[in-house]
């Protein structure tokens, strides 16, 4: 595991299981997400912080890189063909971009209802509502919510088209590094994956660590991972030229 230079560290924080967080990651910074307990899920959406009409595009991300899962080398594209962030380090080898968000109806069907009035901070939270709370802080709403990436989760699809959640995929200490190529608004929820098969609602805590990182050079792994990525980086760099 690559350890960031302490002189470049910007901040560190924790997001409790089932909660939500948002913030701005600047171009030239990296965010490490670490599963501190095992079994985490992070449902994440991204926007261009300078023009929030530009946002993460799941379809372009997958078709441009000929994949149905994400790991080191892949990048997350905006709907303008630019690279929002690159996956520069990953201990899992598989993150789910197709499973979608846990909503209130699915949460209730799987685990019942624990309201704030009776359970306070032990209430059950779903990812969709959590992300909408975060987006509301920036003047965004339901119509602005794009497809998400579910970090730390693995979903496979069989020959019949059925999706299968792989329980126990992420272990305590697993992490993924996102290097930001654009100024990006990041919103995330640590609520469970909508296909999670756990009998109890018990989402895991995630640690966030941010640091300043070097810009990607001509030999950068993510830039050269797919031919299409080189064009995506050119589009991005022209925006900031």
C-alpha atoms as a PDB file:
ATOM      1  CA  UNK A   1       0.000   0.000   0.000  1.00  0.00           C
ATOM      2  CA  UNK A   2       1.339   3.403  -0.989  1.00  0.00           C
ATOM      3  CA  UNK A   3       1.497   5.775   1.951  1.00  0.00           C
ATOM      4  CA  UNK A   4       0.949   9.472   1.221  1.00  0.00           C
ATOM      5  CA  UNK A   5       3.704  11.912   2.064  1.00  0.00           C
ATOM      6  CA  UNK A   6       2.774  13.409   5.475  1.00  0.00           C
ATOM      7  CA  UNK A   7       3.814  16.830   4.167  1.00  0.00           C
ATOM      8  CA  UNK A   8       1.093  16.567   1.500  1.00  0.00           C
ATOM      9  CA  UNK A   9      -1.755  15.478   3.759  1.00  0.00           C
ATOM     10  CA  UNK A  10      -4.722  17.842   3.729  1.00  0.00           C
ATOM     11  CA  UNK A  11      -7.266  16.287   6.070  1.00  0.00           C
ATOM     12  CA  UNK A  12      -8.748  13.044   7.354  1.00  0.00           C
ATOM     13  CA  UNK A  13     -12.274  12.215   8.476  1.00  0.00           C
ATOM     14  CA  UNK A  14     -14.613   9.283   9.120  1.00  0.00           C
ATOM     15  CA  UNK A  15     -18.140   8.708   7.823  1.00  0.00           C
ATOM     16  CA  UNK A  16     -20.160   6.410  10.128  1.00  0.00           C
ATOM     17  CA  UNK A  17     -22.023   3.496   8.588  1.00  0.00           C
ATOM     18  CA  UNK A  18     -25.313   4.556   7.040  1.00  0.00           C
ATOM     19  CA  UNK A  19     -24.452   8.258   7.035  1.00  0.00           C
ATOM     20  CA  UNK A  20     -23.623  10.690   4.237  1.00  0.00           C
ATOM     21  CA  UNK A  21     -20.967  13.283   3.384  1.00  0.00           C
ATOM     22  CA  UNK A  22     -20.111  15.802   0.700  1.00  0.00           C
ATOM     23  CA  UNK A  23     -17.215  18.079  -0.144  1.00  0.00           C
ATOM     24  CA  UNK A  24     -15.116  19.548  -2.926  1.00  0.00           C
ATOM     25  CA  UNK A  25     -11.964  17.798  -4.119  1.00  0.00           C
ATOM     26  CA  UNK A  26      -9.688  20.040  -6.168  1.00  0.00           C
ATOM     27  CA  UNK A  27      -7.843  19.100  -9.324  1.00  0.00           C
ATOM     28  CA  UNK A  28      -4.463  17.748  -8.207  1.00  0.00           C
ATOM     29  CA  UNK A  29      -5.679  16.060  -5.018  1.00  0.00           C
ATOM     30  CA  UNK A  30      -6.310  12.421  -4.116  1.00  0.00           C
ATOM     31  CA  UNK A  31      -8.994  10.984  -1.846  1.00  0.00           C
ATOM     32  CA  UNK A  32      -8.427   7.578  -0.256  1.00  0.00           C
ATOM     33  CA  UNK A  33     -11.515   5.736   1.005  1.00  0.00           C
ATOM     34  CA  UNK A  34     -10.762   2.960   3.499  1.00  0.00           C
ATOM     35  CA  UNK A  35     -13.140   0.284   4.751  1.00  0.00           C
ATOM     36  CA  UNK A  36     -12.324   0.302   8.468  1.00  0.00           C
ATOM     37  CA  UNK A  37     -14.543  -2.591   9.566  1.00  0.00           C
ATOM     38  CA  UNK A  38     -15.176  -4.799   6.532  1.00  0.00           C
ATOM     39  CA  UNK A  39     -18.290  -5.074   4.401  1.00  0.00           C
ATOM     40  CA  UNK A  40     -18.507  -1.367   3.551  1.00  0.00           C
ATOM     41  CA  UNK A  41     -20.388   0.182   0.667  1.00  0.00           C
ATOM     42  CA  UNK A  42     -19.966   3.758  -0.547  1.00  0.00           C
ATOM     43  CA  UNK A  43     -22.553   5.059  -3.024  1.00  0.00           C
ATOM     44  CA  UNK A  44     -20.870   8.048  -4.692  1.00  0.00           C
ATOM     45  CA  UNK A  45     -21.876  10.693  -7.234  1.00  0.00           C
ATOM     46  CA  UNK A  46     -19.646  13.370  -8.773  1.00  0.00           C
ATOM     47  CA  UNK A  47     -20.155  16.797 -10.355  1.00  0.00           C
ATOM     48  CA  UNK A  48     -17.923  19.411 -11.951  1.00  0.00           C
ATOM     49  CA  UNK A  49     -17.796  21.871  -9.069  1.00  0.00           C
ATOM     50  CA  UNK A  50     -17.375  24.833 -11.435  1.00  0.00           C
ATOM     51  CA  UNK A  51     -20.397  23.869 -13.585  1.00  0.00           C
ATOM     52  CA  UNK A  52     -22.663  21.395 -11.855  1.00  0.00           C
ATOM     53  CA  UNK A  53     -24.659  20.624 -14.986  1.00  0.00           C
ATOM     54  CA  UNK A  54     -21.623  18.491 -15.875  1.00  0.00           C
ATOM     55  CA  UNK A  55     -21.615  15.302 -13.834  1.00  0.00           C
ATOM     56  CA  UNK A  56     -20.537  11.663 -13.683  1.00  0.00           C
ATOM     57  CA  UNK A  57     -21.882   9.608 -16.581  1.00  0.00           C
ATOM     58  CA  UNK A  58     -22.106   5.877 -15.915  1.00  0.00           C
ATOM     59  CA  UNK A  59     -22.852   4.866 -19.505  1.00  0.00           C
ATOM     60  CA  UNK A  60     -19.906   6.768 -20.998  1.00  0.00           C
ATOM     61  CA  UNK A  61     -17.574   5.527 -18.264  1.00  0.00           C
ATOM     62  CA  UNK A  62     -18.394   1.900 -18.996  1.00  0.00           C
ATOM     63  CA  UNK A  63     -18.671   1.923 -22.780  1.00  0.00           C
ATOM     64  CA  UNK A  64     -15.542   4.048 -23.316  1.00  0.00           C
ATOM     65  CA  UNK A  65     -13.473   1.605 -21.258  1.00  0.00           C
ATOM     66  CA  UNK A  66     -15.239  -1.623 -22.336  1.00  0.00           C
ATOM     67  CA  UNK A  67     -16.049  -2.717 -18.796  1.00  0.00           C
ATOM     68  CA  UNK A  68     -18.859  -3.430 -16.344  1.00  0.00           C
ATOM     69  CA  UNK A  69     -16.753  -2.977 -13.203  1.00  0.00           C
ATOM     70  CA  UNK A  70     -14.122  -0.515 -11.988  1.00  0.00           C
ATOM     71  CA  UNK A  71     -10.647  -0.921 -10.494  1.00  0.00           C
ATOM     72  CA  UNK A  72      -7.140   0.559 -10.788  1.00  0.00           C
ATOM     73  CA  UNK A  73      -6.521   2.158 -14.167  1.00  0.00           C
ATOM     74  CA  UNK A  74     -10.115   3.050 -14.920  1.00  0.00           C
ATOM     75  CA  UNK A  75     -11.337   6.631 -14.830  1.00  0.00           C
ATOM     76  CA  UNK A  76     -14.753   8.160 -14.128  1.00  0.00           C
ATOM     77  CA  UNK A  77     -16.009  10.235 -17.056  1.00  0.00           C
ATOM     78  CA  UNK A  78     -18.317  13.219 -17.035  1.00  0.00           C
ATOM     79  CA  UNK A  79     -21.083  13.640 -19.594  1.00  0.00           C
ATOM     80  CA  UNK A  80     -18.762  16.044 -21.441  1.00  0.00           C
ATOM     81  CA  UNK A  81     -16.140  13.398 -22.135  1.00  0.00           C
ATOM     82  CA  UNK A  82     -13.784  14.689 -19.451  1.00  0.00           C
ATOM     83  CA  UNK A  83     -12.124  12.755 -16.631  1.00  0.00           C
ATOM     84  CA  UNK A  84     -13.515  13.647 -13.216  1.00  0.00           C
ATOM     85  CA  UNK A  85     -11.172  11.305 -11.351  1.00  0.00           C
ATOM     86  CA  UNK A  86      -8.861   8.330 -11.860  1.00  0.00           C
ATOM     87  CA  UNK A  87      -8.573   5.155  -9.797  1.00  0.00           C
ATOM     88  CA  UNK A  88      -4.853   5.112  -9.025  1.00  0.00           C
ATOM     89  CA  UNK A  89      -4.745   2.436  -6.324  1.00  0.00           C
ATOM     90  CA  UNK A  90      -7.190  -0.296  -5.342  1.00  0.00           C
ATOM     91  CA  UNK A  91      -6.874  -3.343  -3.073  1.00  0.00           C
ATOM     92  CA  UNK A  92     -10.156  -4.971  -4.138  1.00  0.00           C
ATOM     93  CA  UNK A  93     -10.052  -5.276  -7.926  1.00  0.00           C
ATOM     94  CA  UNK A  94     -13.787  -4.699  -8.387  1.00  0.00           C
ATOM     95  CA  UNK A  95     -16.173  -1.842  -7.641  1.00  0.00           C
ATOM     96  CA  UNK A  96     -19.792  -1.834  -8.802  1.00  0.00           C
ATOM     97  CA  UNK A  97     -21.030   0.861 -11.227  1.00  0.00           C
ATOM     98  CA  UNK A  98     -24.371  -0.743 -12.166  1.00  0.00           C
ATOM     99  CA  UNK A  99     -26.235  -1.706  -8.967  1.00  0.00           C
ATOM    100  CA  UNK A 100     -27.813   1.673  -8.214  1.00  0.00           C
ATOM    101  CA  UNK A 101     -28.919   3.228  -4.924  1.00  0.00           C
ATOM    102  CA  UNK A 102     -30.635   1.860  -1.847  1.00  0.00           C
ATOM    103  CA  UNK A 103     -33.937   3.743  -1.504  1.00  0.00           C
ATOM    104  CA  UNK A 104     -36.452   3.970   1.338  1.00  0.00           C
ATOM    105  CA  UNK A 105     -38.778   1.287  -0.021  1.00  0.00           C
ATOM    106  CA  UNK A 106     -35.987  -1.254  -0.489  1.00  0.00           C
ATOM    107  CA  UNK A 107     -34.566  -0.469   2.944  1.00  0.00           C
ATOM    108  CA  UNK A 108     -37.945  -1.026   4.604  1.00  0.00           C
ATOM    109  CA  UNK A 109     -38.559  -4.252   2.705  1.00  0.00           C
ATOM    110  CA  UNK A 110     -35.163  -5.678   3.680  1.00  0.00           C
ATOM    111  CA  UNK A 111     -34.659  -4.420   7.230  1.00  0.00           C
ATOM    112  CA  UNK A 112     -37.782  -2.659   8.426  1.00  0.00           C
ATOM    113  CA  UNK A 113     -38.067   0.872   9.812  1.00  0.00           C
ATOM    114  CA  UNK A 114     -35.987   2.501  12.563  1.00  0.00           C
ATOM    115  CA  UNK A 115     -36.998   6.169  12.749  1.00  0.00           C
ATOM    116  CA  UNK A 116     -35.038   8.992  14.333  1.00  0.00           C
ATOM    117  CA  UNK A 117     -37.885   9.671  16.787  1.00  0.00           C
ATOM    118  CA  UNK A 118     -37.366   6.300  18.486  1.00  0.00           C
ATOM    119  CA  UNK A 119     -33.762   5.398  17.642  1.00  0.00           C
ATOM    120  CA  UNK A 120     -31.961   8.737  17.267  1.00  0.00           C
ATOM    121  CA  UNK A 121     -28.539   8.207  15.622  1.00  0.00           C
ATOM    122  CA  UNK A 122     -29.229   4.481  15.293  1.00  0.00           C
ATOM    123  CA  UNK A 123     -31.969   5.210  12.768  1.00  0.00           C
ATOM    124  CA  UNK A 124     -31.869   3.354   9.451  1.00  0.00           C
ATOM    125  CA  UNK A 125     -30.797   5.548   6.528  1.00  0.00           C
ATOM    126  CA  UNK A 126     -30.957   4.904   2.812  1.00  0.00           C
ATOM    127  CA  UNK A 127     -28.472   6.113   0.212  1.00  0.00           C
ATOM    128  CA  UNK A 128     -30.885   7.942  -2.072  1.00  0.00           C
ATOM    129  CA  UNK A 129     -32.264  10.225   0.621  1.00  0.00           C
ATOM    130  CA  UNK A 130     -28.797  10.734   2.092  1.00  0.00           C
ATOM    131  CA  UNK A 131     -27.366  11.869  -1.233  1.00  0.00           C
ATOM    132  CA  UNK A 132     -30.326  14.187  -1.801  1.00  0.00           C
ATOM    133  CA  UNK A 133     -29.647  15.815   1.585  1.00  0.00           C
ATOM    134  CA  UNK A 134     -26.045  16.430   0.545  1.00  0.00           C
ATOM    135  CA  UNK A 135     -26.938  17.706  -2.938  1.00  0.00           C
ATOM    136  CA  UNK A 136     -29.451  20.112  -1.428  1.00  0.00           C
ATOM    137  CA  UNK A 137     -26.568  21.933   0.255  1.00  0.00           C
ATOM    138  CA  UNK A 138     -25.383  22.985  -3.218  1.00  0.00           C
ATOM    139  CA  UNK A 139     -28.729  23.889  -4.756  1.00  0.00           C
ATOM    140  CA  UNK A 140     -29.204  20.508  -6.443  1.00  0.00           C
ATOM    141  CA  UNK A 141     -32.220  18.219  -6.208  1.00  0.00           C
ATOM    142  CA  UNK A 142     -33.840  15.003  -7.363  1.00  0.00           C
ATOM    143  CA  UNK A 143     -33.537  15.776 -11.064  1.00  0.00           C
ATOM    144  CA  UNK A 144     -29.776  16.229 -10.606  1.00  0.00           C
ATOM    145  CA  UNK A 145     -29.117  12.822  -9.057  1.00  0.00           C
ATOM    146  CA  UNK A 146     -27.124  10.718 -11.585  1.00  0.00           C
ATOM    147  CA  UNK A 147     -26.321   7.026 -11.509  1.00  0.00           C
ATOM    148  CA  UNK A 148     -23.857   6.238  -8.736  1.00  0.00           C
ATOM    149  CA  UNK A 149     -20.725   4.182  -8.258  1.00  0.00           C
ATOM    150  CA  UNK A 150     -20.852   1.683  -5.382  1.00  0.00           C
ATOM    151  CA  UNK A 151     -17.306   1.502  -4.069  1.00  0.00           C
ATOM    152  CA  UNK A 152     -16.266  -1.627  -2.108  1.00  0.00           C
ATOM    153  CA  UNK A 153     -19.141  -3.680  -3.567  1.00  0.00           C
ATOM    154  CA  UNK A 154     -19.034  -6.423  -6.208  1.00  0.00           C
ATOM    155  CA  UNK A 155     -22.027  -7.330  -8.378  1.00  0.00           C
ATOM    156  CA  UNK A 156     -21.860  -9.917 -11.139  1.00  0.00           C
ATOM    157  CA  UNK A 157     -24.365 -10.625 -13.909  1.00  0.00           C
ATOM    158  CA  UNK A 158     -25.137 -14.166 -15.067  1.00  0.00           C
ATOM    159  CA  UNK A 159     -26.013 -15.332 -18.567  1.00  0.00           C
ATOM    160  CA  UNK A 160     -29.717 -14.754 -17.878  1.00  0.00           C
ATOM    161  CA  UNK A 161     -29.100 -11.119 -16.952  1.00  0.00           C
ATOM    162  CA  UNK A 162     -29.655 -11.546 -13.200  1.00  0.00           C
ATOM    163  CA  UNK A 163     -27.458  -9.515 -10.867  1.00  0.00           C
ATOM    164  CA  UNK A 164     -25.734 -11.158  -7.896  1.00  0.00           C
ATOM    165  CA  UNK A 165     -24.258  -9.376  -4.881  1.00  0.00           C
ATOM    166  CA  UNK A 166     -20.987 -10.872  -3.628  1.00  0.00           C
ATOM    167  CA  UNK A 167     -21.137 -10.799   0.179  1.00  0.00           C
ATOM    168  CA  UNK A 168     -17.875 -10.295   2.071  1.00  0.00           C
ATOM    169  CA  UNK A 169     -16.096  -8.718  -0.887  1.00  0.00           C
ATOM    170  CA  UNK A 170     -14.433  -5.925   1.087  1.00  0.00           C
ATOM    171  CA  UNK A 171     -12.341  -6.609   4.179  1.00  0.00           C
ATOM    172  CA  UNK A 172     -11.224  -4.271   6.958  1.00  0.00           C
ATOM    173  CA  UNK A 173      -8.339  -2.182   5.645  1.00  0.00           C
ATOM    174  CA  UNK A 174      -9.256  -2.395   1.966  1.00  0.00           C
ATOM    175  CA  UNK A 175      -9.006   0.958   0.218  1.00  0.00           C
ATOM    176  CA  UNK A 176      -9.376   2.750  -3.106  1.00  0.00           C
ATOM    177  CA  UNK A 177      -7.615   5.967  -4.193  1.00  0.00           C
ATOM    178  CA  UNK A 178      -9.333   8.542  -6.412  1.00  0.00           C
ATOM    179  CA  UNK A 179      -7.064  11.155  -7.991  1.00  0.00           C
ATOM    180  CA  UNK A 180      -9.121  14.146  -9.090  1.00  0.00           C
ATOM    181  CA  UNK A 181      -8.454  15.551 -12.537  1.00  0.00           C
ATOM    182  CA  UNK A 182     -11.201  18.200 -12.209  1.00  0.00           C
ATOM    183  CA  UNK A 183     -12.521  20.362  -9.403  1.00  0.00           C
ATOM    184  CA  UNK A 184     -15.250  17.985  -8.297  1.00  0.00           C
ATOM    185  CA  UNK A 185     -18.165  18.049  -5.906  1.00  0.00           C
ATOM    186  CA  UNK A 186     -18.241  14.630  -4.238  1.00  0.00           C
ATOM    187  CA  UNK A 187     -21.342  13.318  -2.458  1.00  0.00           C
ATOM    188  CA  UNK A 188     -21.418   9.895  -0.872  1.00  0.00           C
ATOM    189  CA  UNK A 189     -23.456   7.636   1.371  1.00  0.00           C
ATOM    190  CA  UNK A 190     -22.230   4.713   3.459  1.00  0.00           C
ATOM    191  CA  UNK A 191     -25.656   3.035   3.465  1.00  0.00           C
ATOM    192  CA  UNK A 192     -25.741  -0.592   2.285  1.00  0.00           C
ATOM    193  CA  UNK A 193     -25.816  -1.661  -1.348  1.00  0.00           C
ATOM    194  CA  UNK A 194     -29.413  -2.210  -2.577  1.00  0.00           C
ATOM    195  CA  UNK A 195     -28.631  -5.871  -3.347  1.00  0.00           C
ATOM    196  CA  UNK A 196     -26.934  -6.534   0.001  1.00  0.00           C
ATOM    197  CA  UNK A 197     -28.035  -9.917   1.367  1.00  0.00           C
ATOM    198  CA  UNK A 198     -27.204  -9.237   5.034  1.00  0.00           C
ATOM    199  CA  UNK A 199     -29.892 -10.182   7.519  1.00  0.00           C
ATOM    200  CA  UNK A 200     -29.180  -7.144   9.716  1.00  0.00           C
ATOM    201  CA  UNK A 201     -28.832  -3.480   8.842  1.00  0.00           C
ATOM    202  CA  UNK A 202     -25.242  -2.930   9.945  1.00  0.00           C
ATOM    203  CA  UNK A 203     -23.328  -0.674   7.515  1.00  0.00           C
ATOM    204  CA  UNK A 204     -19.606  -0.109   8.045  1.00  0.00           C
ATOM    205  CA  UNK A 205     -17.663   3.057   8.780  1.00  0.00           C
ATOM    206  CA  UNK A 206     -15.358   4.485   6.113  1.00  0.00           C
ATOM    207  CA  UNK A 207     -12.256   6.646   6.575  1.00  0.00           C
ATOM    208  CA  UNK A 208     -11.533   9.502   4.152  1.00  0.00           C
ATOM    209  CA  UNK A 209      -7.949  10.722   3.678  1.00  0.00           C
ATOM    210  CA  UNK A 210      -7.085  13.583   1.302  1.00  0.00           C
ATOM    211  CA  UNK A 211      -3.690  14.765   0.063  1.00  0.00           C
ATOM    212  CA  UNK A 212      -2.059  16.817  -2.690  1.00  0.00           C
ATOM    213  CA  UNK A 213      -0.907  14.638  -5.597  1.00  0.00           C
ATOM    214  CA  UNK A 214       1.246  15.046  -8.692  1.00  0.00           C
ATOM    215  CA  UNK A 215      -0.415  15.669 -12.071  1.00  0.00           C
ATOM    216  CA  UNK A 216      -0.564  12.690 -14.425  1.00  0.00           C
ATOM    217  CA  UNK A 217       2.367  12.589 -16.844  1.00  0.00           C
ATOM    218  CA  UNK A 218       2.610  11.127 -20.321  1.00  0.00           C
ATOM    219  CA  UNK A 219       3.403   7.695 -18.847  1.00  0.00           C
ATOM    220  CA  UNK A 220       0.532   7.749 -16.349  1.00  0.00           C
ATOM    221  CA  UNK A 221      -1.093   4.335 -15.909  1.00  0.00           C
ATOM    222  CA  UNK A 222      -4.678   5.629 -16.022  1.00  0.00           C
ATOM    223  CA  UNK A 223      -4.002   7.845 -19.043  1.00  0.00           C
ATOM    224  CA  UNK A 224      -2.669   4.842 -20.985  1.00  0.00           C
ATOM    225  CA  UNK A 225      -4.957   2.136 -19.558  1.00  0.00           C
ATOM    226  CA  UNK A 226      -7.348   2.506 -22.492  1.00  0.00           C
ATOM    227  CA  UNK A 227      -6.819   4.414 -25.785  1.00  0.00           C
ATOM    228  CA  UNK A 228     -10.006   6.355 -25.074  1.00  0.00           C
ATOM    229  CA  UNK A 229      -8.591   7.581 -21.777  1.00  0.00           C
ATOM    230  CA  UNK A 230      -5.849   9.546 -23.508  1.00  0.00           C
ATOM    231  CA  UNK A 231      -8.529  11.558 -25.312  1.00  0.00           C
ATOM    232  CA  UNK A 232     -10.432  12.030 -22.073  1.00  0.00           C
ATOM    233  CA  UNK A 233      -7.351  13.495 -20.405  1.00  0.00           C
ATOM    234  CA  UNK A 234      -6.769  15.827 -23.369  1.00  0.00           C
ATOM    235  CA  UNK A 235     -10.366  17.073 -23.106  1.00  0.00           C
ATOM    236  CA  UNK A 236      -9.870  17.662 -19.393  1.00  0.00           C
ATOM    237  CA  UNK A 237      -6.539  19.440 -19.720  1.00  0.00           C
ATOM    238  CA  UNK A 238      -7.913  21.780 -22.380  1.00  0.00           C
ATOM    239  CA  UNK A 239     -10.573  22.894 -19.904  1.00  0.00           C
ATOM    240  CA  UNK A 240      -7.848  24.051 -17.505  1.00  0.00           C
ATOM    241  CA  UNK A 241      -5.357  25.319 -20.120  1.00  0.00           C
END
